[in-house]
Amino acid sequence: MSKSLIPAQRRERIREYLEIHKIVRIADLSEILEASEATIRRDLERLEKQGYLERTHGGAIFSQRINLEQDYAQRAQRSPEQKRRIGALAASMIEDGDIVFINSGTTTTEVIRHIPINASITVITNNLIAALEVGAVDFELILLGGSYQPVSNSVAGRFAVENLRHVYADKTFVGVDGISLKYGCTFPTSAEAEVVHRMMERTRGPLIVVADHTKWGMVSNFEVARIDQIDRLITDRGLDEDARSALDDHSVDVFIASDGQE
């Protein structure tokens, strides 16, 4: 029956499959739709031009747009265990003497929460939630000034960006709204993107992205980093093997936060 599908029907089936599975191989689509791999490649090329997916080596991943910034409290309820493990693993990469930049977000909040209270480091952040929840610590925590962003519970704008101009960091930890091979790391607001851009410019060491697997394939409005600008991605075991392989091809070191990571 699949052999009689017209191109539009076949592409609709591909879209429906990707909406459910998020990632697919050409060989699997060829078998499911009973069409040649060459035909499937043309379908994927057409759908990519329409913005529905991103082609990868041997397949495709679902491309989902995020146009509006989501409320911090809502985001905090998604994948909390994965975020805690990611935060713990990220915090373990901070060494004594480090100056680190950490942007706003629910996953980066977990990074700050997992830093030992007696660490000999300096943390510079625009993350108001983390600054309020961290409590009494011995490490230096510097909160950037700037315009209050109520949806993300952060500060941004000219004052925040200007304050970053006076310091260099050894590492930058960035939480993102979306990450994809084609569009890189993205945010829904220009204000947060501007802060992260400046953090990257003022970092002498690695750019470390912290993101659970659900951020893969998500695309928002403002790019802050291409895939080849990322040094490390810390994520959870839900990230597909094909995605890990594609990131490896772009020289991104992928670290998986295990169940025992606390």
Protein backbone atom coordinates (compact mmCIF):
# COMPACT_ATOMS: atom_id res chain seq x y z
CA MET A 1 0.00 0.00 0.00
CA SER A 2 2.86 2.41 0.78
CA LYS A 3 4.10 2.08 -2.81
CA SER A 4 1.04 4.00 -4.02
CA LEU A 5 1.69 6.99 -1.78
CA ILE A 6 2.13 10.24 -3.64
CA PRO A 7 5.12 12.42 -2.57
CA ALA A 8 2.99 14.71 -0.38
CA GLN A 9 1.53 11.74 1.50
CA ARG A 10 4.97 10.18 1.93
CA ARG A 11 6.41 13.40 3.36
CA GLU A 12 3.47 13.72 5.73
CA ARG A 13 4.20 10.20 7.02
CA ILE A 14 7.83 11.19 7.53
CA ARG A 15 6.77 14.28 9.49
CA GLU A 16 4.40 12.23 11.66
CA TYR A 17 7.13 9.68 12.37
CA LEU A 18 9.63 12.36 13.35
CA GLU A 19 7.15 14.14 15.63
CA ILE A 20 6.89 10.89 17.62
CA HIS A 21 10.44 9.51 17.42
CA LYS A 22 12.42 12.77 16.97
CA ILE A 23 15.12 11.00 14.95
CA VAL A 24 15.07 8.54 12.05
CA ARG A 25 17.39 6.67 9.69
CA ILE A 26 16.98 6.74 5.93
CA ALA A 27 17.14 2.95 5.81
CA ASP A 28 14.27 2.64 8.28
CA LEU A 29 12.09 5.11 6.35
CA SER A 30 12.87 3.28 3.13
CA GLU A 31 11.59 0.06 4.67
CA ILE A 32 8.54 1.59 6.37
CA LEU A 33 7.41 3.54 3.30
CA GLU A 34 8.57 0.96 0.76
CA ALA A 35 10.45 3.63 -1.18
CA SER A 36 14.03 3.76 -2.38
CA GLU A 37 16.66 5.44 -0.22
CA ALA A 38 17.25 7.93 -3.03
CA THR A 39 13.56 8.89 -2.90
CA ILE A 40 13.68 9.25 0.88
CA ARG A 41 16.76 11.48 0.62
CA ARG A 42 14.89 13.78 -1.77
CA ASP A 43 11.94 13.87 0.62
CA LEU A 44 14.21 14.77 3.53
CA GLU A 45 15.88 17.48 1.48
CA ARG A 46 12.49 18.98 0.66
CA LEU A 47 11.31 18.81 4.29
CA GLU A 48 14.55 20.38 5.50
CA LYS A 49 14.02 23.34 3.18
CA GLN A 50 10.57 23.72 4.70
CA GLY A 51 12.08 23.77 8.20
CA TYR A 52 10.58 20.53 9.50
CA LEU A 53 13.82 18.65 10.06
CA GLU A 54 17.58 18.65 9.87
CA ARG A 55 19.34 16.07 7.78
CA THR A 56 22.15 14.12 9.39
CA HIS A 57 24.53 11.50 8.10
CA GLY A 58 22.21 8.62 7.26
CA GLY A 59 19.00 10.17 8.55
CA ALA A 60 17.29 13.21 10.03
CA ILE A 61 16.24 14.78 13.32
CA PHE A 62 13.01 16.59 14.10
CA SER A 63 13.35 20.37 14.16
CA GLN A 64 11.03 22.12 16.60
CA ARG A 65 10.79 25.90 16.90
CA ILE A 66 10.70 27.76 20.22
CA ASN A 67 9.55 31.30 19.58
CA LEU A 68 8.60 32.42 23.08
CA GLU A 69 10.58 32.26 26.29
CA GLN A 70 9.01 29.83 28.73
CA ASP A 71 8.44 30.64 32.40
CA TYR A 72 11.24 29.56 34.72
CA ALA A 73 8.92 27.64 37.06
CA GLN A 74 7.46 25.64 34.17
CA ARG A 75 10.91 24.75 32.84
CA ALA A 76 12.09 23.71 36.30
CA GLN A 77 9.43 20.99 36.38
CA ARG A 78 10.77 19.31 33.24
CA SER A 79 13.41 16.57 33.60
CA PRO A 80 14.42 17.61 37.15
CA GLU A 81 16.44 14.45 37.89
CA GLN A 82 18.39 14.71 34.64
CA LYS A 83 19.13 18.36 35.33
CA ARG A 84 20.39 17.56 38.83
CA ARG A 85 22.77 14.92 37.50
CA ILE A 86 23.96 17.20 34.73
CA GLY A 87 24.53 19.98 37.25
CA ALA A 88 26.53 17.71 39.53
CA LEU A 89 28.78 16.50 36.71
CA ALA A 90 29.32 20.04 35.46
CA ALA A 91 30.21 21.31 38.93
CA SER A 92 32.83 18.56 39.26
CA MET A 93 34.66 20.07 36.27
CA ILE A 94 35.32 23.34 38.12
CA GLU A 95 38.81 23.43 39.59
CA ASP A 96 40.24 25.41 42.49
CA GLY A 97 41.27 28.87 41.37
CA ASP A 98 38.80 28.95 38.48
CA ILE A 99 36.77 31.98 37.55
CA VAL A 100 33.64 30.74 35.80
CA PHE A 101 30.75 32.36 33.97
CA ILE A 102 27.34 30.72 34.36
CA ASN A 103 24.24 32.03 32.61
CA SER A 104 20.61 31.83 33.66
CA GLY A 105 18.43 28.74 33.37
CA THR A 106 17.14 25.75 35.30
CA THR A 107 20.05 23.47 34.43
CA THR A 108 22.70 26.06 35.20
CA THR A 109 20.99 26.63 38.55
CA GLU A 110 21.77 22.99 39.30
CA VAL A 111 25.41 23.58 38.38
CA ILE A 112 25.69 26.33 41.02
CA ARG A 113 23.79 24.28 43.60
CA HIS A 114 26.33 21.46 43.28
CA ILE A 115 29.46 23.55 43.73
CA PRO A 116 31.04 22.68 47.11
CA ILE A 117 30.45 25.52 49.55
CA ASN A 118 34.17 25.73 50.39
CA ALA A 119 35.41 25.74 46.79
CA SER A 120 38.22 28.22 46.09
CA ILE A 121 36.59 29.69 43.00
CA THR A 122 34.72 32.73 41.69
CA VAL A 123 31.32 32.36 40.02
CA ILE A 124 29.96 35.23 37.94
CA THR A 125 26.34 34.84 36.88
CA ASN A 126 23.16 36.59 35.78
CA ASN A 127 21.10 33.79 37.37
CA LEU A 128 19.00 35.34 40.16
CA ILE A 129 17.44 32.06 41.30
CA ALA A 130 20.80 30.44 41.92
CA ALA A 131 22.10 33.52 43.71
CA LEU A 132 19.08 33.52 46.04
CA GLU A 133 19.06 29.77 46.75
CA VAL A 134 22.77 29.06 47.17
CA GLY A 135 22.80 30.19 50.80
CA ALA A 136 25.99 30.67 52.81
CA VAL A 137 29.04 29.72 50.76
CA ASP A 138 32.76 30.38 51.01
CA PHE A 139 33.32 30.74 47.27
CA GLU A 140 32.90 34.17 45.73
CA LEU A 141 29.57 34.62 43.97
CA ILE A 142 29.23 37.75 41.85
CA LEU A 143 25.81 38.67 40.51
CA LEU A 144 25.81 40.78 37.37
CA GLY A 145 23.84 43.98 37.43
CA GLY A 146 21.33 44.72 34.72
CA SER A 147 17.68 44.82 33.77
CA TYR A 148 15.46 42.31 35.54
CA GLN A 149 14.01 39.61 33.28
CA PRO A 150 10.95 38.27 35.17
CA VAL A 151 10.23 35.27 32.93
CA SER A 152 13.72 33.82 33.30
CA ASN A 153 14.48 35.25 36.76
CA SER A 154 17.72 36.74 35.49
CA VAL A 155 19.36 40.05 34.66
CA ALA A 156 20.50 41.15 31.22
CA GLY A 157 20.91 44.25 29.11
CA ARG A 158 23.62 46.89 28.78
CA PHE A 159 24.75 46.93 32.43
CA ALA A 160 25.18 43.16 32.55
CA VAL A 161 27.13 43.09 29.29
CA GLU A 162 29.34 46.01 30.33
CA ASN A 163 30.19 44.39 33.67
CA LEU A 164 31.45 41.32 31.84
CA ARG A 165 33.86 43.48 29.89
CA HIS A 166 36.10 43.84 32.95
CA VAL A 167 36.91 40.18 33.66
CA TYR A 168 38.11 36.99 31.97
CA ALA A 169 36.85 33.52 32.91
CA ASP A 170 38.56 30.14 32.78
CA LYS A 171 35.36 28.31 31.82
CA THR A 172 31.84 29.21 30.77
CA PHE A 173 28.83 27.01 31.50
CA VAL A 174 25.81 27.72 29.31
CA GLY A 175 22.30 26.39 29.53
CA VAL A 176 20.41 26.68 26.24
CA ASP A 177 16.82 26.47 25.00
CA GLY A 178 17.79 24.61 21.85
CA ILE A 179 20.75 22.87 20.27
CA SER A 180 21.01 21.50 16.75
CA LEU A 181 23.68 20.72 14.20
CA LYS A 182 22.44 23.26 11.70
CA TYR A 183 21.42 26.16 13.97
CA GLY A 184 23.76 25.64 16.92
CA CYS A 185 22.82 26.83 20.42
CA THR A 186 19.84 29.17 20.51
CA PHE A 187 17.75 31.30 22.87
CA PRO A 188 14.29 32.87 22.43
CA THR A 189 15.43 36.32 23.61
CA SER A 190 18.14 38.65 22.38
CA ALA A 191 18.85 39.86 25.93
CA GLU A 192 20.09 36.47 27.17
CA ALA A 193 21.87 35.79 23.90
CA GLU A 194 23.79 39.05 24.24
CA VAL A 195 24.95 38.15 27.75
CA VAL A 196 26.13 34.70 26.65
CA HIS A 197 27.92 36.14 23.62
CA ARG A 198 29.92 38.43 25.91
CA MET A 199 30.65 35.56 28.32
CA MET A 200 32.06 33.55 25.44
CA GLU A 201 34.20 36.45 24.24
CA ARG A 202 35.70 36.82 27.72
CA THR A 203 36.47 33.14 28.29
CA ARG A 204 40.02 31.81 27.97
CA GLY A 205 39.04 28.17 28.35
CA PRO A 206 36.27 25.79 27.30
CA LEU A 207 32.66 26.57 26.49
CA ILE A 208 30.62 23.91 28.27
CA VAL A 209 26.95 23.51 27.33
CA VAL A 210 24.65 21.86 29.88
CA ALA A 211 21.42 20.56 28.35
CA ASP A 212 19.21 17.51 28.80
CA HIS A 213 18.44 15.43 25.72
CA THR A 214 15.06 17.11 25.08
CA LYS A 215 16.90 20.26 23.93
CA TRP A 216 18.38 18.36 20.97
CA GLY A 217 16.68 19.39 17.73
CA MET A 218 15.04 22.43 19.32
CA VAL A 219 15.59 25.74 17.53
CA SER A 220 14.87 29.22 18.84
CA ASN A 221 15.33 32.76 17.55
CA PHE A 222 18.84 33.86 18.52
CA GLU A 223 22.01 31.85 17.93
CA VAL A 224 24.77 32.18 20.52
CA ALA A 225 27.19 29.49 19.37
CA ARG A 226 27.76 27.23 16.41
CA ILE A 227 28.22 23.55 17.13
CA ASP A 228 31.94 23.79 16.33
CA GLN A 229 32.33 26.50 19.00
CA ILE A 230 31.23 24.12 21.77
CA ASP A 231 34.00 22.28 23.59
CA ARG A 232 31.86 20.03 25.79
CA LEU A 233 28.22 19.04 26.04
CA ILE A 234 27.01 17.61 29.34
CA THR A 235 23.71 15.81 28.88
CA ASP A 236 21.82 12.68 29.94
CA ARG A 237 21.65 9.15 28.58
CA GLY A 238 18.52 9.99 26.57
CA LEU A 239 20.65 11.61 23.86
CA ASP A 240 20.52 9.40 20.77
CA GLU A 241 23.69 7.57 19.65
CA ASP A 242 23.46 9.19 16.22
CA ALA A 243 23.42 12.61 17.87
CA ARG A 244 26.49 11.71 19.92
CA SER A 245 28.25 10.55 16.78
CA ALA A 246 27.36 13.74 14.92
CA LEU A 247 28.65 15.87 17.80
CA ASP A 248 31.85 13.84 17.88
CA ASP A 249 32.30 14.58 14.17
CA HIS A 250 32.22 18.28 15.13
CA SER A 251 34.85 17.74 17.86
CA VAL A 252 32.38 18.22 20.70
CA ASP A 253 33.22 16.10 23.75
CA VAL A 254 29.95 14.60 25.03
CA PHE A 255 29.68 13.75 28.73
CA ILE A 256 26.73 11.67 29.94
CA ALA A 257 25.55 12.29 33.50
CA SER A 258 24.92 8.86 35.01
CA ASP A 259 22.16 7.82 37.39
CA GLY A 260 24.64 7.84 40.27
CA GLN A 261 25.85 11.36 39.52
CA GLU A 262 25.11 13.47 42.60
